[in-house]
Protein backbone atom coordinates (compact mmCIF):
# COMPACT_ATOMS: atom_id res chain seq x y z
CA MET A 1 110.48 112.54 81.53
CA SER A 2 112.39 115.88 81.44
CA THR A 3 113.18 117.57 84.60
CA LYS A 4 111.10 120.57 85.67
CA LEU A 5 112.45 124.09 85.62
CA LEU A 6 112.87 125.62 89.06
CA ASP A 7 111.34 128.81 89.76
CA PHE A 8 113.81 131.55 89.54
CA LEU A 9 114.36 135.36 89.13
CA HIS A 10 116.31 136.99 86.61
CA ILE A 11 118.00 140.40 85.84
CA GLU A 12 119.03 141.45 82.31
CA THR A 13 121.82 144.11 82.01
CA ALA A 14 120.77 145.32 78.58
CA GLU A 15 117.85 144.92 76.16
CA ASN A 16 119.50 142.08 73.93
CA CYS A 17 121.42 139.65 75.98
CA GLN A 18 124.28 137.56 74.59
CA TYR A 19 125.62 135.78 78.07
CA SER A 20 124.17 134.11 80.89
CA VAL A 21 125.23 133.79 84.55
CA ILE A 22 123.21 131.29 86.43
CA TRP A 23 123.82 131.88 89.90
CA LEU A 24 122.82 129.63 92.91
CA HIS A 25 122.36 130.69 96.64
CA GLY A 26 123.67 128.90 99.59
CA LEU A 27 121.67 126.76 102.13
CA GLY A 28 118.50 128.15 103.66
CA ALA A 29 118.58 131.50 101.31
CA SER A 30 117.02 132.07 98.00
CA GLY A 31 117.38 133.41 94.60
CA HIS A 32 117.19 136.84 96.04
CA ASP A 33 120.34 136.53 98.12
CA PHE A 34 122.90 137.49 95.23
CA GLU A 35 120.26 139.85 93.46
CA PRO A 36 121.73 142.97 94.89
CA ILE A 37 125.47 142.36 93.69
CA VAL A 38 124.30 142.65 90.07
CA PRO A 39 124.51 146.63 90.30
CA GLU A 40 127.69 146.24 92.47
CA LEU A 41 129.72 144.64 89.86
CA HIS A 42 129.52 147.72 87.56
CA LEU A 43 129.71 145.78 84.41
CA PRO A 44 129.66 148.03 81.43
CA ASP A 45 126.04 148.65 79.58
CA THR A 46 127.46 147.13 76.38
CA LEU A 47 127.59 143.72 77.95
CA GLY A 48 124.38 142.35 77.81
CA ILE A 49 124.05 139.66 80.35
CA ARG A 50 121.05 137.69 82.04
CA PHE A 51 121.44 136.68 85.31
CA VAL A 52 119.53 133.88 86.48
CA PHE A 53 118.94 133.23 90.13
CA PRO A 54 117.11 130.13 90.87
CA HIS A 55 115.46 129.19 94.14
CA ALA A 56 116.49 125.68 95.50
CA PRO A 57 113.71 122.98 96.36
CA VAL A 58 112.58 122.86 99.94
CA ARG A 59 113.85 119.83 101.56
CA PRO A 60 114.65 118.48 105.03
CA ILE A 61 118.01 119.18 106.23
CA SER A 62 119.36 117.01 108.91
CA ILE A 63 121.57 119.63 110.67
CA ASN A 64 118.39 121.74 110.88
CA GLY A 65 116.71 118.82 112.92
CA GLY A 66 115.55 117.52 109.84
CA ALA A 67 113.15 120.69 109.25
CA PRO A 68 112.47 121.68 105.68
CA MET A 69 114.45 124.65 104.26
CA PRO A 70 115.61 125.45 100.72
CA GLY A 71 118.72 123.45 100.00
CA TRP A 72 120.46 122.02 97.15
CA TYR A 73 121.10 118.57 98.89
CA ASP A 74 120.94 117.60 102.67
CA ILE A 75 123.90 118.40 105.29
CA THR A 76 124.02 115.97 108.19
CA SER A 77 127.17 117.39 109.64
CA LEU A 78 129.72 119.99 109.20
CA ASP A 79 132.40 117.59 109.87
CA PHE A 80 133.84 116.85 106.62
CA GLY A 81 135.92 113.74 107.43
CA SER A 82 132.95 111.90 108.96
CA ARG A 83 129.81 113.01 107.34
CA GLU A 84 127.76 111.02 104.82
CA GLN A 85 126.97 113.04 101.37
CA ASP A 86 124.09 113.08 99.78
CA VAL A 87 124.67 111.87 96.37
CA SER A 88 121.14 111.74 95.23
CA GLY A 89 120.53 115.33 96.44
CA VAL A 90 123.65 116.55 94.81
CA GLN A 91 122.71 114.80 91.30
CA GLU A 92 118.92 115.70 91.64
CA SER A 93 120.20 119.52 91.77
CA ALA A 94 122.47 119.12 88.91
CA ALA A 95 119.65 117.83 86.75
CA TYR A 96 117.74 121.08 87.82
CA ILE A 97 120.53 123.29 86.58
CA ASN A 98 121.08 121.35 83.64
CA ALA A 99 117.46 122.09 82.35
CA LEU A 100 118.22 125.95 83.33
CA ILE A 101 121.16 125.65 81.02
CA GLU A 102 119.05 124.13 78.36
CA ALA A 103 116.52 126.91 78.80
CA GLU A 104 118.96 129.43 78.28
CA LEU A 105 120.26 127.48 75.21
CA GLU A 106 116.93 127.35 73.72
CA ARG A 107 116.50 131.26 74.10
CA GLY A 108 119.59 131.48 71.76
CA ILE A 109 122.70 131.78 74.48
CA PRO A 110 125.36 129.69 73.17
CA ALA A 111 126.96 127.64 75.84
CA SER A 112 130.24 128.94 75.37
CA ASN A 113 128.33 132.27 76.88
CA ILE A 114 127.04 130.81 79.85
CA ILE A 115 128.59 130.53 83.29
CA LEU A 116 127.34 128.62 86.40
CA ALA A 117 128.29 130.60 89.55
CA GLY A 118 127.30 129.63 93.27
CA PHE A 119 127.97 130.25 96.88
CA SER A 120 128.58 127.47 99.68
CA GLN A 121 126.07 124.87 98.71
CA GLY A 122 125.21 126.41 95.54
CA GLY A 123 128.68 126.64 94.43
CA ALA A 124 129.20 122.96 95.06
CA ILE A 125 126.32 122.37 92.78
CA ALA A 126 127.81 124.90 90.18
CA LEU A 127 131.15 122.87 90.18
CA TYR A 128 129.42 119.58 89.91
CA THR A 129 127.31 120.45 87.15
CA ALA A 130 129.61 122.61 84.88
CA LEU A 131 132.35 119.63 85.06
CA THR A 132 130.39 117.03 84.08
CA SER A 133 128.29 118.73 81.63
CA THR A 134 128.13 117.70 77.76
CA HIS A 135 128.21 121.36 77.03
CA LYS A 136 131.37 123.44 76.76
CA LEU A 137 130.45 126.32 79.08
CA ALA A 138 132.27 129.77 79.49
CA GLY A 139 133.45 128.97 83.29
CA ILE A 140 132.56 128.34 86.93
CA MET A 141 132.44 130.78 89.54
CA ALA A 142 132.76 128.64 92.68
CA LEU A 143 132.19 130.97 95.99
CA SER A 144 132.97 129.79 99.48
CA THR A 145 132.46 126.45 98.52
CA TYR A 146 134.25 122.84 97.30
CA LEU A 147 133.74 119.94 95.10
CA PRO A 148 130.92 117.46 96.30
CA ILE A 149 130.87 113.78 96.02
CA GLN A 150 134.16 113.71 94.63
CA ASP A 151 134.44 109.92 94.42
CA ILE A 152 131.55 109.87 92.00
CA ALA A 153 132.42 113.32 90.21
CA LEU A 154 136.06 113.35 89.16
CA PRO A 155 135.70 110.15 86.92
CA LEU A 156 132.76 111.91 85.54
CA ILE A 157 134.55 115.23 84.32
CA THR A 158 134.44 115.56 80.66
CA GLU A 159 136.80 117.02 78.43
CA HIS A 160 134.70 120.05 78.12
CA GLY A 161 134.79 120.37 82.12
CA LYS A 162 138.44 119.96 82.17
CA SER A 163 139.08 122.96 79.64
CA LEU A 164 136.81 125.41 81.80
CA PRO A 165 138.10 128.48 83.66
CA VAL A 166 137.27 128.12 87.61
CA PHE A 167 137.03 131.09 89.78
CA MET A 168 137.31 130.00 93.25
CA ALA A 169 137.20 132.58 96.45
CA HIS A 170 137.04 131.47 100.21
CA GLY A 171 137.01 133.22 103.61
CA GLN A 172 140.25 132.78 105.29
CA HIS A 173 138.22 132.36 108.75
CA ASP A 174 135.29 130.36 107.04
CA GLU A 175 133.65 128.78 109.81
CA VAL A 176 131.10 126.86 108.01
CA ILE A 177 133.36 125.35 105.11
CA GLN A 178 137.00 125.50 106.54
CA ILE A 179 139.31 126.95 103.97
CA GLN A 180 141.56 123.52 103.49
CA HIS A 181 138.28 121.86 102.04
CA ALA A 182 138.21 124.51 99.26
CA GLN A 183 141.95 124.50 98.69
CA GLN A 184 141.87 120.44 98.46
CA SER A 185 139.23 120.82 95.95
CA ARG A 186 141.33 123.45 94.05
CA ASP A 187 144.31 121.32 94.47
CA ILE A 188 142.56 118.15 92.81
CA LEU A 189 141.18 120.34 89.96
CA ASN A 190 144.56 121.76 89.44
CA ASP A 191 145.78 117.97 89.53
CA TYR A 192 143.26 117.28 86.66
CA GLY A 193 145.16 120.07 84.65
CA MET A 194 142.44 122.63 84.82
CA SER A 195 142.66 126.45 85.28
CA VAL A 196 141.94 127.71 88.76
CA GLU A 197 141.89 131.25 89.78
CA TRP A 198 142.19 131.13 93.34
CA HIS A 199 141.72 134.12 95.79
CA ASP A 200 141.11 134.16 99.69
CA TYR A 201 140.16 137.08 101.92
CA PRO A 202 140.08 137.70 105.45
CA MET A 203 136.51 137.05 106.02
CA ALA A 204 134.01 134.31 107.35
CA HIS A 205 131.29 132.50 105.34
CA SER A 206 130.54 135.51 103.30
CA VAL A 207 131.15 137.67 100.40
CA SER A 208 133.59 141.06 100.71
CA GLY A 209 133.83 143.99 98.65
CA ASP A 210 137.08 142.97 97.18
CA GLU A 211 135.80 139.70 96.37
CA ILE A 212 133.06 141.44 94.19
CA ASN A 213 135.68 143.59 92.55
CA ASP A 214 137.63 140.23 91.50
CA ILE A 215 134.45 138.42 90.52
CA ALA A 216 133.79 141.63 88.13
CA ALA A 217 137.07 141.49 86.69
CA TRP A 218 136.89 137.72 86.01
CA LEU A 219 133.61 138.16 84.52
CA LYS A 220 134.42 140.89 82.01
CA HIS A 221 137.63 138.55 80.94
CA GLN A 222 135.29 135.49 80.50
CA PHE A 223 132.93 137.66 78.42
CA GLY A 224 135.84 138.85 76.11
CA LEU A 225 136.27 142.71 77.74
């Protein structure tokens, strides 16, 4: 049975788009969260990109007292050392994103022109999905995040996944996902021979102007400018 397509909003930077960026929000947010960043990237008009911003399913979140909110998977604790990871939630959300990738392919966008991007929880799903994909995508943009369920994810990394360029960015003062967890993910991907472009900034769990400039430069490079 095919996975249902999530609700999403999209922005197209040109009448004819040759590229897609599927960008996932963080816990408790929505697809609207990163919509304002598109004009701030100042990408050239000649670069036709379709930005797809899906809305995460609403699910009970343990650190929110079990109250439902938009989330890609459950979070039981901010203690990375002891918390139980939501394997089924990660894999379910990866299936949702794979369905969005298939939808872009059906629109005529080749896999090599599709980037998965995400912030926090969304970045974790972007990493897991792209690394384990059967398609050779254009790259991964992982913001303020980490690679989840590593014991399961690492053996599933495909040859396509190993060849992906990865942009990772993190706040030096991130109180939600401390920077060492992102650095551990970066290091393990490097150990797998992957090309990780790393940036960190004097900020908390957020996105900065300097980071937006670096994202724009990386996107242009991946799309051949």
